[in-house]
């Protein structure tokens, strides 16, 4: 993890999340882009670290999803009500 972009780490903060339905349970969350992970501190940290290490893969995946959505809307024949 020597080549980690420091600006990304600042935006990938792990925060303590309070759930009013389960106030006694410790829940943490981390948001990266449009994806949010909730869970134990260990689970959320592992998820965040995976996104840091595999940043190139997740960037290609997001680009692929954007292209696929664009193709879907090009072929959409819905004209409204």
PDB file of N, CA and C in Angstrom:
ATOM      1  N   UNK A   1       0.824  -1.196   0.000  1.00  0.00           N
ATOM      2  CA  UNK A   1       0.000   0.000   0.000  1.00  0.00           C
ATOM      3  C   UNK A   1       0.866   1.257   0.000  1.00  0.00           C
ATOM      4  N   UNK A   2       1.992   1.224  -0.643  1.00  0.00           N
ATOM      5  CA  UNK A   2       2.881   2.361  -0.662  1.00  0.00           C
ATOM      6  C   UNK A   2       2.388   3.473  -1.575  1.00  0.00           C
ATOM      7  N   UNK A   3       1.658   3.131  -2.624  1.00  0.00           N
ATOM      8  CA  UNK A   3       1.247   4.137  -3.599  1.00  0.00           C
ATOM      9  C   UNK A   3      -0.213   4.562  -3.420  1.00  0.00           C
ATOM     10  N   UNK A   4      -0.652   4.707  -2.199  1.00  0.00           N
ATOM     11  CA  UNK A   4      -2.034   5.098  -1.921  1.00  0.00           C
ATOM     12  C   UNK A   4      -2.175   6.604  -2.097  1.00  0.00           C
ATOM     13  N   UNK A   5      -3.219   7.004  -2.773  1.00  0.00           N
ATOM     14  CA  UNK A   5      -3.509   8.419  -2.962  1.00  0.00           C
ATOM     15  C   UNK A   5      -4.086   8.971  -1.658  1.00  0.00           C
ATOM     16  N   UNK A   6      -3.412   9.897  -1.040  1.00  0.00           N
ATOM     17  CA  UNK A   6      -3.815  10.413   0.270  1.00  0.00           C
ATOM     18  C   UNK A   6      -5.172  11.099   0.209  1.00  0.00           C
ATOM     19  N   UNK A   7      -5.495  11.753  -0.891  1.00  0.00           N
ATOM     20  CA  UNK A   7      -6.791  12.426  -0.976  1.00  0.00           C
ATOM     21  C   UNK A   7      -7.926  11.406  -0.941  1.00  0.00           C
ATOM     22  N   UNK A   8      -7.717  10.214  -1.522  1.00  0.00           N
ATOM     23  CA  UNK A   8      -8.747   9.182  -1.470  1.00  0.00           C
ATOM     24  C   UNK A   8      -8.961   8.672  -0.055  1.00  0.00           C
ATOM     25  N   UNK A   9      -7.899   8.558   0.703  1.00  0.00           N
ATOM     26  CA  UNK A   9      -8.032   8.061   2.070  1.00  0.00           C
ATOM     27  C   UNK A   9      -8.863   9.029   2.897  1.00  0.00           C
ATOM     28  N   UNK A  10      -8.686  10.321   2.671  1.00  0.00           N
ATOM     29  CA  UNK A  10      -9.460  11.300   3.427  1.00  0.00           C
ATOM     30  C   UNK A  10     -10.941  11.224   3.088  1.00  0.00           C
ATOM     31  N   UNK A  11     -11.285  10.821   1.882  1.00  0.00           N
ATOM     32  CA  UNK A  11     -12.695  10.723   1.519  1.00  0.00           C
ATOM     33  C   UNK A  11     -13.269   9.347   1.850  1.00  0.00           C
ATOM     34  N   UNK A  12     -12.432   8.429   2.281  1.00  0.00           N
ATOM     35  CA  UNK A  12     -12.863   7.073   2.622  1.00  0.00           C
ATOM     36  C   UNK A  12     -12.828   6.871   4.128  1.00  0.00           C
ATOM     37  N   UNK A  13     -13.290   7.858   4.844  1.00  0.00           N
ATOM     38  CA  UNK A  13     -13.271   7.768   6.305  1.00  0.00           C
ATOM     39  C   UNK A  13     -14.262   6.731   6.800  1.00  0.00           C
ATOM     40  N   UNK A  14     -13.908   6.075   7.871  1.00  0.00           N
ATOM     41  CA  UNK A  14     -14.811   5.143   8.536  1.00  0.00           C
ATOM     42  C   UNK A  14     -15.441   5.903   9.695  1.00  0.00           C
ATOM     43  N   UNK A  15     -16.756   5.954   9.683  1.00  0.00           N
ATOM     44  CA  UNK A  15     -17.491   6.708  10.694  1.00  0.00           C
ATOM     45  C   UNK A  15     -18.346   5.778  11.538  1.00  0.00           C
ATOM     46  N   UNK A  16     -18.516   6.130  12.800  1.00  0.00           N
ATOM     47  CA  UNK A  16     -19.424   5.370  13.661  1.00  0.00           C
ATOM     48  C   UNK A  16     -20.844   5.776  13.281  1.00  0.00           C
ATOM     49  N   UNK A  17     -21.696   4.792  13.076  1.00  0.00           N
ATOM     50  CA  UNK A  17     -23.069   5.031  12.625  1.00  0.00           C
ATOM     51  C   UNK A  17     -24.023   4.655  13.751  1.00  0.00           C
ATOM     52  N   UNK A  18     -24.957   5.535  14.061  1.00  0.00           N
ATOM     53  CA  UNK A  18     -25.944   5.260  15.106  1.00  0.00           C
ATOM     54  C   UNK A  18     -27.252   4.836  14.458  1.00  0.00           C
ATOM     55  N   UNK A  19     -27.687   3.648  14.797  1.00  0.00           N
ATOM     56  CA  UNK A  19     -28.963   3.137  14.325  1.00  0.00           C
ATOM     57  C   UNK A  19     -29.938   3.231  15.488  1.00  0.00           C
ATOM     58  N   UNK A  20     -30.992   4.026  15.345  1.00  0.00           N
ATOM     59  CA  UNK A  20     -31.943   4.245  16.443  1.00  0.00           C
ATOM     60  C   UNK A  20     -32.691   2.977  16.824  1.00  0.00           C
ATOM     61  N   UNK A  21     -32.776   2.009  15.913  1.00  0.00           N
ATOM     62  CA  UNK A  21     -33.451   0.750  16.213  1.00  0.00           C
ATOM     63  C   UNK A  21     -32.568  -0.183  17.039  1.00  0.00           C
ATOM     64  N   UNK A  22     -31.248  -0.015  16.944  1.00  0.00           N
ATOM     65  CA  UNK A  22     -30.292  -0.838  17.682  1.00  0.00           C
ATOM     66  C   UNK A  22     -29.233   0.063  18.324  1.00  0.00           C
ATOM     67  N   UNK A  23     -29.625   0.881  19.302  1.00  0.00           N
ATOM     68  CA  UNK A  23     -28.681   1.851  19.862  1.00  0.00           C
ATOM     69  C   UNK A  23     -27.500   1.221  20.599  1.00  0.00           C
ATOM     70  N   UNK A  24     -27.634  -0.008  21.045  1.00  0.00           N
ATOM     71  CA  UNK A  24     -26.553  -0.651  21.786  1.00  0.00           C
ATOM     72  C   UNK A  24     -25.546  -1.369  20.884  1.00  0.00           C
ATOM     73  N   UNK A  25     -25.823  -1.430  19.577  1.00  0.00           N
ATOM     74  CA  UNK A  25     -24.942  -2.124  18.642  1.00  0.00           C
ATOM     75  C   UNK A  25     -23.998  -1.136  17.970  1.00  0.00           C
ATOM     76  N   UNK A  26     -22.701  -1.460  17.952  1.00  0.00           N
ATOM     77  CA  UNK A  26     -21.718  -0.611  17.284  1.00  0.00           C
ATOM     78  C   UNK A  26     -21.716  -0.913  15.794  1.00  0.00           C
ATOM     79  N   UNK A  27     -22.095   0.069  14.995  1.00  0.00           N
ATOM     80  CA  UNK A  27     -22.137  -0.075  13.545  1.00  0.00           C
ATOM     81  C   UNK A  27     -21.273   1.032  12.947  1.00  0.00           C
ATOM     82  N   UNK A  28     -20.487   0.665  11.947  1.00  0.00           N
ATOM     83  CA  UNK A  28     -19.617   1.618  11.277  1.00  0.00           C
ATOM     84  C   UNK A  28     -19.991   1.682   9.807  1.00  0.00           C
ATOM     85  N   UNK A  29     -19.647   2.796   9.160  1.00  0.00           N
ATOM     86  CA  UNK A  29     -19.920   2.918   7.730  1.00  0.00           C
ATOM     87  C   UNK A  29     -18.770   3.633   7.045  1.00  0.00           C
ATOM     88  N   UNK A  30     -18.629   3.333   5.758  1.00  0.00           N
ATOM     89  CA  UNK A  30     -17.623   3.972   4.924  1.00  0.00           C
ATOM     90  C   UNK A  30     -18.240   4.122   3.534  1.00  0.00           C
ATOM     91  N   UNK A  31     -18.091   5.300   2.936  1.00  0.00           N
ATOM     92  CA  UNK A  31     -18.616   5.550   1.604  1.00  0.00           C
ATOM     93  C   UNK A  31     -17.464   5.831   0.654  1.00  0.00           C
ATOM     94  N   UNK A  32     -17.476   5.126  -0.462  1.00  0.00           N
ATOM     95  CA  UNK A  32     -16.498   5.341  -1.526  1.00  0.00           C
ATOM     96  C   UNK A  32     -17.296   5.524  -2.802  1.00  0.00           C
ATOM     97  N   UNK A  33     -17.214   6.703  -3.383  1.00  0.00           N
ATOM     98  CA  UNK A  33     -18.018   6.985  -4.576  1.00  0.00           C
ATOM     99  C   UNK A  33     -19.489   6.933  -4.203  1.00  0.00           C
ATOM    100  N   UNK A  34     -20.226   6.043  -4.874  1.00  0.00           N
ATOM    101  CA  UNK A  34     -21.650   5.881  -4.584  1.00  0.00           C
ATOM    102  C   UNK A  34     -21.930   4.602  -3.816  1.00  0.00           C
ATOM    103  N   UNK A  35     -20.902   3.974  -3.274  1.00  0.00           N
ATOM    104  CA  UNK A  35     -21.052   2.717  -2.539  1.00  0.00           C
ATOM    105  C   UNK A  35     -20.784   2.943  -1.061  1.00  0.00           C
ATOM    106  N   UNK A  36     -21.676   2.428  -0.223  1.00  0.00           N
ATOM    107  CA  UNK A  36     -21.519   2.544   1.219  1.00  0.00           C
ATOM    108  C   UNK A  36     -21.567   1.158   1.831  1.00  0.00           C
ATOM    109  N   UNK A  37     -20.669   0.912   2.750  1.00  0.00           N
ATOM    110  CA  UNK A  37     -20.609  -0.359   3.469  1.00  0.00           C
ATOM    111  C   UNK A  37     -20.918  -0.092   4.929  1.00  0.00           C
ATOM    112  N   UNK A  38     -21.865  -0.835   5.490  1.00  0.00           N
ATOM    113  CA  UNK A  38     -22.198  -0.782   6.906  1.00  0.00           C
ATOM    114  C   UNK A  38     -21.790  -2.102   7.534  1.00  0.00           C
ATOM    115  N   UNK A  39     -21.374  -2.082   8.786  1.00  0.00           N
ATOM    116  CA  UNK A  39     -21.057  -3.324   9.473  1.00  0.00           C
ATOM    117  C   UNK A  39     -20.119  -3.099  10.630  1.00  0.00           C
ATOM    118  N   UNK A  40     -19.468  -4.171  11.028  1.00  0.00           N
ATOM    119  CA  UNK A  40     -18.508  -4.085  12.124  1.00  0.00           C
ATOM    120  C   UNK A  40     -17.283  -3.313  11.640  1.00  0.00           C
ATOM    121  N   UNK A  41     -16.493  -2.860  12.568  1.00  0.00           N
ATOM    122  CA  UNK A  41     -15.292  -2.108  12.217  1.00  0.00           C
ATOM    123  C   UNK A  41     -14.355  -2.958  11.364  1.00  0.00           C
ATOM    124  N   UNK A  42     -14.236  -4.226  11.677  1.00  0.00           N
ATOM    125  CA  UNK A  42     -13.369  -5.115  10.908  1.00  0.00           C
ATOM    126  C   UNK A  42     -13.856  -5.277   9.477  1.00  0.00           C
ATOM    127  N   UNK A  43     -15.171  -5.493   9.307  1.00  0.00           N
ATOM    128  CA  UNK A  43     -15.741  -5.675   7.963  1.00  0.00           C
ATOM    129  C   UNK A  43     -15.581  -4.419   7.112  1.00  0.00           C
ATOM    130  N   UNK A  44     -15.876  -3.280   7.702  1.00  0.00           N
ATOM    131  CA  UNK A  44     -15.805  -2.015   6.966  1.00  0.00           C
ATOM    132  C   UNK A  44     -14.353  -1.676   6.618  1.00  0.00           C
ATOM    133  N   UNK A  45     -13.436  -1.928   7.539  1.00  0.00           N
ATOM    134  CA  UNK A  45     -12.021  -1.669   7.274  1.00  0.00           C
ATOM    135  C   UNK A  45     -11.506  -2.566   6.156  1.00  0.00           C
ATOM    136  N   UNK A  46     -11.895  -3.837   6.182  1.00  0.00           N
ATOM    137  CA  UNK A  46     -11.485  -4.771   5.129  1.00  0.00           C
ATOM    138  C   UNK A  46     -12.022  -4.333   3.773  1.00  0.00           C
ATOM    139  N   UNK A  47     -13.284  -3.904   3.723  1.00  0.00           N
ATOM    140  CA  UNK A  47     -13.914  -3.446   2.486  1.00  0.00           C
ATOM    141  C   UNK A  47     -13.194  -2.214   1.947  1.00  0.00           C
ATOM    142  N   UNK A  48     -12.904  -1.256   2.830  1.00  0.00           N
ATOM    143  CA  UNK A  48     -12.214  -0.038   2.417  1.00  0.00           C
ATOM    144  C   UNK A  48     -10.812  -0.347   1.901  1.00  0.00           C
ATOM    145  N   UNK A  49     -10.088  -1.193   2.625  1.00  0.00           N
ATOM    146  CA  UNK A  49      -8.727  -1.540   2.217  1.00  0.00           C
ATOM    147  C   UNK A  49      -8.722  -2.253   0.871  1.00  0.00           C
ATOM    148  N   UNK A  50      -9.726  -3.091   0.620  1.00  0.00           N
ATOM    149  CA  UNK A  50      -9.845  -3.767  -0.670  1.00  0.00           C
ATOM    150  C   UNK A  50     -10.034  -2.755  -1.790  1.00  0.00           C
ATOM    151  N   UNK A  51     -10.844  -1.735  -1.550  1.00  0.00           N
ATOM    152  CA  UNK A  51     -11.063  -0.705  -2.566  1.00  0.00           C
ATOM    153  C   UNK A  51      -9.823   0.139  -2.810  1.00  0.00           C
ATOM    154  N   UNK A  52      -9.000   0.315  -1.790  1.00  0.00           N
ATOM    155  CA  UNK A  52      -7.761   1.066  -1.952  1.00  0.00           C
ATOM    156  C   UNK A  52      -6.760   0.254  -2.767  1.00  0.00           C
ATOM    157  N   UNK A  53      -6.576  -1.003  -2.407  1.00  0.00           N
ATOM    158  CA  UNK A  53      -5.598  -1.858  -3.080  1.00  0.00           C
ATOM    159  C   UNK A  53      -6.000  -2.130  -4.524  1.00  0.00           C
ATOM    160  N   UNK A  54      -7.289  -2.318  -4.766  1.00  0.00           N
ATOM    161  CA  UNK A  54      -7.790  -2.675  -6.096  1.00  0.00           C
ATOM    162  C   UNK A  54      -8.480  -1.497  -6.775  1.00  0.00           C
ATOM    163  N   UNK A  55      -7.970  -0.290  -6.580  1.00  0.00           N
ATOM    164  CA  UNK A  55      -8.595   0.925  -7.118  1.00  0.00           C
ATOM    165  C   UNK A  55      -8.733   0.877  -8.635  1.00  0.00           C
ATOM    166  N   UNK A  56      -7.722   0.346  -9.333  1.00  0.00           N
ATOM    167  CA  UNK A  56      -7.792   0.267 -10.799  1.00  0.00           C
ATOM    168  C   UNK A  56      -8.937  -0.621 -11.247  1.00  0.00           C
ATOM    169  N   UNK A  57      -9.107  -1.756 -10.594  1.00  0.00           N
ATOM    170  CA  UNK A  57     -10.191  -2.674 -10.938  1.00  0.00           C
ATOM    171  C   UNK A  57     -11.549  -1.999 -10.738  1.00  0.00           C
ATOM    172  N   UNK A  58     -11.736  -1.341  -9.596  1.00  0.00           N
ATOM    173  CA  UNK A  58     -13.027  -0.713  -9.323  1.00  0.00           C
ATOM    174  C   UNK A  58     -13.292   0.470 -10.261  1.00  0.00           C
ATOM    175  N   UNK A  59     -12.257   1.158 -10.696  1.00  0.00           N
ATOM    176  CA  UNK A  59     -12.422   2.248 -11.660  1.00  0.00           C
ATOM    177  C   UNK A  59     -12.874   1.699 -13.010  1.00  0.00           C
ATOM    178  N   UNK A  60     -12.264   0.585 -13.443  1.00  0.00           N
ATOM    179  CA  UNK A  60     -12.675  -0.045 -14.708  1.00  0.00           C
ATOM    180  C   UNK A  60     -14.099  -0.578 -14.609  1.00  0.00           C
ATOM    181  N   UNK A  61     -14.446  -1.131 -13.466  1.00  0.00           N
ATOM    182  CA  UNK A  61     -15.804  -1.639 -13.261  1.00  0.00           C
ATOM    183  C   UNK A  61     -16.828  -0.511 -13.331  1.00  0.00           C
ATOM    184  N   UNK A  62     -16.530   0.624 -12.715  1.00  0.00           N
ATOM    185  CA  UNK A  62     -17.440   1.773 -12.757  1.00  0.00           C
ATOM    186  C   UNK A  62     -17.582   2.295 -14.181  1.00  0.00           C
ATOM    187  N   UNK A  63     -16.472   2.334 -14.929  1.00  0.00           N
ATOM    188  CA  UNK A  63     -16.517   2.785 -16.323  1.00  0.00           C
ATOM    189  C   UNK A  63     -17.367   1.835 -17.165  1.00  0.00           C
ATOM    190  N   UNK A  64     -17.216   0.546 -16.940  1.00  0.00           N
ATOM    191  CA  UNK A  64     -18.000  -0.449 -17.662  1.00  0.00           C
ATOM    192  C   UNK A  64     -19.492  -0.306 -17.352  1.00  0.00           C
ATOM    193  N   UNK A  65     -19.816  -0.083 -16.090  1.00  0.00           N
ATOM    194  CA  UNK A  65     -21.218   0.093 -15.703  1.00  0.00           C
ATOM    195  C   UNK A  65     -21.814   1.344 -16.327  1.00  0.00           C
ATOM    196  N   UNK A  66     -21.029   2.415 -16.408  1.00  0.00           N
ATOM    197  CA  UNK A  66     -21.500   3.654 -17.027  1.00  0.00           C
ATOM    198  C   UNK A  66     -21.774   3.444 -18.513  1.00  0.00           C
ATOM    199  N   UNK A  67     -20.866   2.752 -19.192  1.00  0.00           N
ATOM    200  CA  UNK A  67     -21.065   2.470 -20.619  1.00  0.00           C
ATOM    201  C   UNK A  67     -22.285   1.588 -20.837  1.00  0.00           C
ATOM    202  N   UNK A  68     -22.465   0.582 -19.987  1.00  0.00           N
ATOM    203  CA  UNK A  68     -23.613  -0.319 -20.118  1.00  0.00           C
ATOM    204  C   UNK A  68     -24.923   0.443 -19.912  1.00  0.00           C
ATOM    205  N   UNK A  69     -24.951   1.333 -18.939  1.00  0.00           N
ATOM    206  CA  UNK A  69     -26.160   2.130 -18.703  1.00  0.00           C
ATOM    207  C   UNK A  69     -26.441   3.034 -19.902  1.00  0.00           C
ATOM    208  N   UNK A  70     -25.401   3.606 -20.488  1.00  0.00           N
ATOM    209  CA  UNK A  70     -25.576   4.449 -21.676  1.00  0.00           C
ATOM    210  C   UNK A  70     -26.161   3.674 -22.834  1.00  0.00           C
ATOM    211  N   UNK A  71     -25.668   2.460 -23.054  1.00  0.00           N
ATOM    212  CA  UNK A  71     -26.200   1.617 -24.130  1.00  0.00           C
ATOM    213  C   UNK A  71     -27.652   1.240 -23.864  1.00  0.00           C
ATOM    214  N   UNK A  72     -27.977   0.968 -22.616  1.00  0.00           N
ATOM    215  CA  UNK A  72     -29.362   0.631 -22.262  1.00  0.00           C
ATOM    216  C   UNK A  72     -30.296   1.789 -22.617  1.00  0.00           C
ATOM    217  N   UNK A  73     -29.915   3.008 -22.239  1.00  0.00           N
ATOM    218  CA  UNK A  73     -30.780   4.153 -22.512  1.00  0.00           C
ATOM    219  C   UNK A  73     -30.840   4.497 -23.996  1.00  0.00           C
ATOM    220  N   UNK A  74     -29.808   4.189 -24.759  1.00  0.00           N
ATOM    221  CA  UNK A  74     -29.857   4.404 -26.208  1.00  0.00           C
ATOM    222  C   UNK A  74     -30.912   3.514 -26.848  1.00  0.00           C
ATOM    223  N   UNK A  75     -31.050   2.294 -26.330  1.00  0.00           N
ATOM    224  CA  UNK A  75     -31.971   1.314 -26.908  1.00  0.00           C
ATOM    225  C   UNK A  75     -33.378   1.397 -26.321  1.00  0.00           C
ATOM    226  N   UNK A  76     -33.563   2.218 -25.320  1.00  0.00           N
ATOM    227  CA  UNK A  76     -34.856   2.341 -24.643  1.00  0.00           C
ATOM    228  C   UNK A  76     -35.860   3.003 -25.582  1.00  0.00           C
ATOM    229  N   UNK A  77     -37.007   2.385 -25.755  1.00  0.00           N
ATOM    230  CA  UNK A  77     -38.007   2.926 -26.686  1.00  0.00           C
ATOM    231  C   UNK A  77     -39.185   3.582 -25.963  1.00  0.00           C
ATOM    232  N   UNK A  78     -39.122   3.710 -24.653  1.00  0.00           N
ATOM    233  CA  UNK A  78     -40.184   4.312 -23.879  1.00  0.00           C
ATOM    234  C   UNK A  78     -40.280   5.801 -24.217  1.00  0.00           C
ATOM    235  N   UNK A  79     -41.466   6.282 -24.551  1.00  0.00           N
ATOM    236  CA  UNK A  79     -41.652   7.668 -24.962  1.00  0.00           C
ATOM    237  C   UNK A  79     -42.435   8.491 -23.942  1.00  0.00           C
ATOM    238  N   UNK A  80     -42.798   7.909 -22.829  1.00  0.00           N
ATOM    239  CA  UNK A  80     -43.560   8.646 -21.809  1.00  0.00           C
ATOM    240  C   UNK A  80     -45.004   8.212 -21.778  1.00  0.00           C
ATOM    241  N   UNK A  81     -45.747   8.804 -20.880  1.00  0.00           N
ATOM    242  CA  UNK A  81     -47.170   8.443 -20.711  1.00  0.00           C
ATOM    243  C   UNK A  81     -48.045   9.073 -21.751  1.00  0.00           C
TER     244      UNK A  81
END
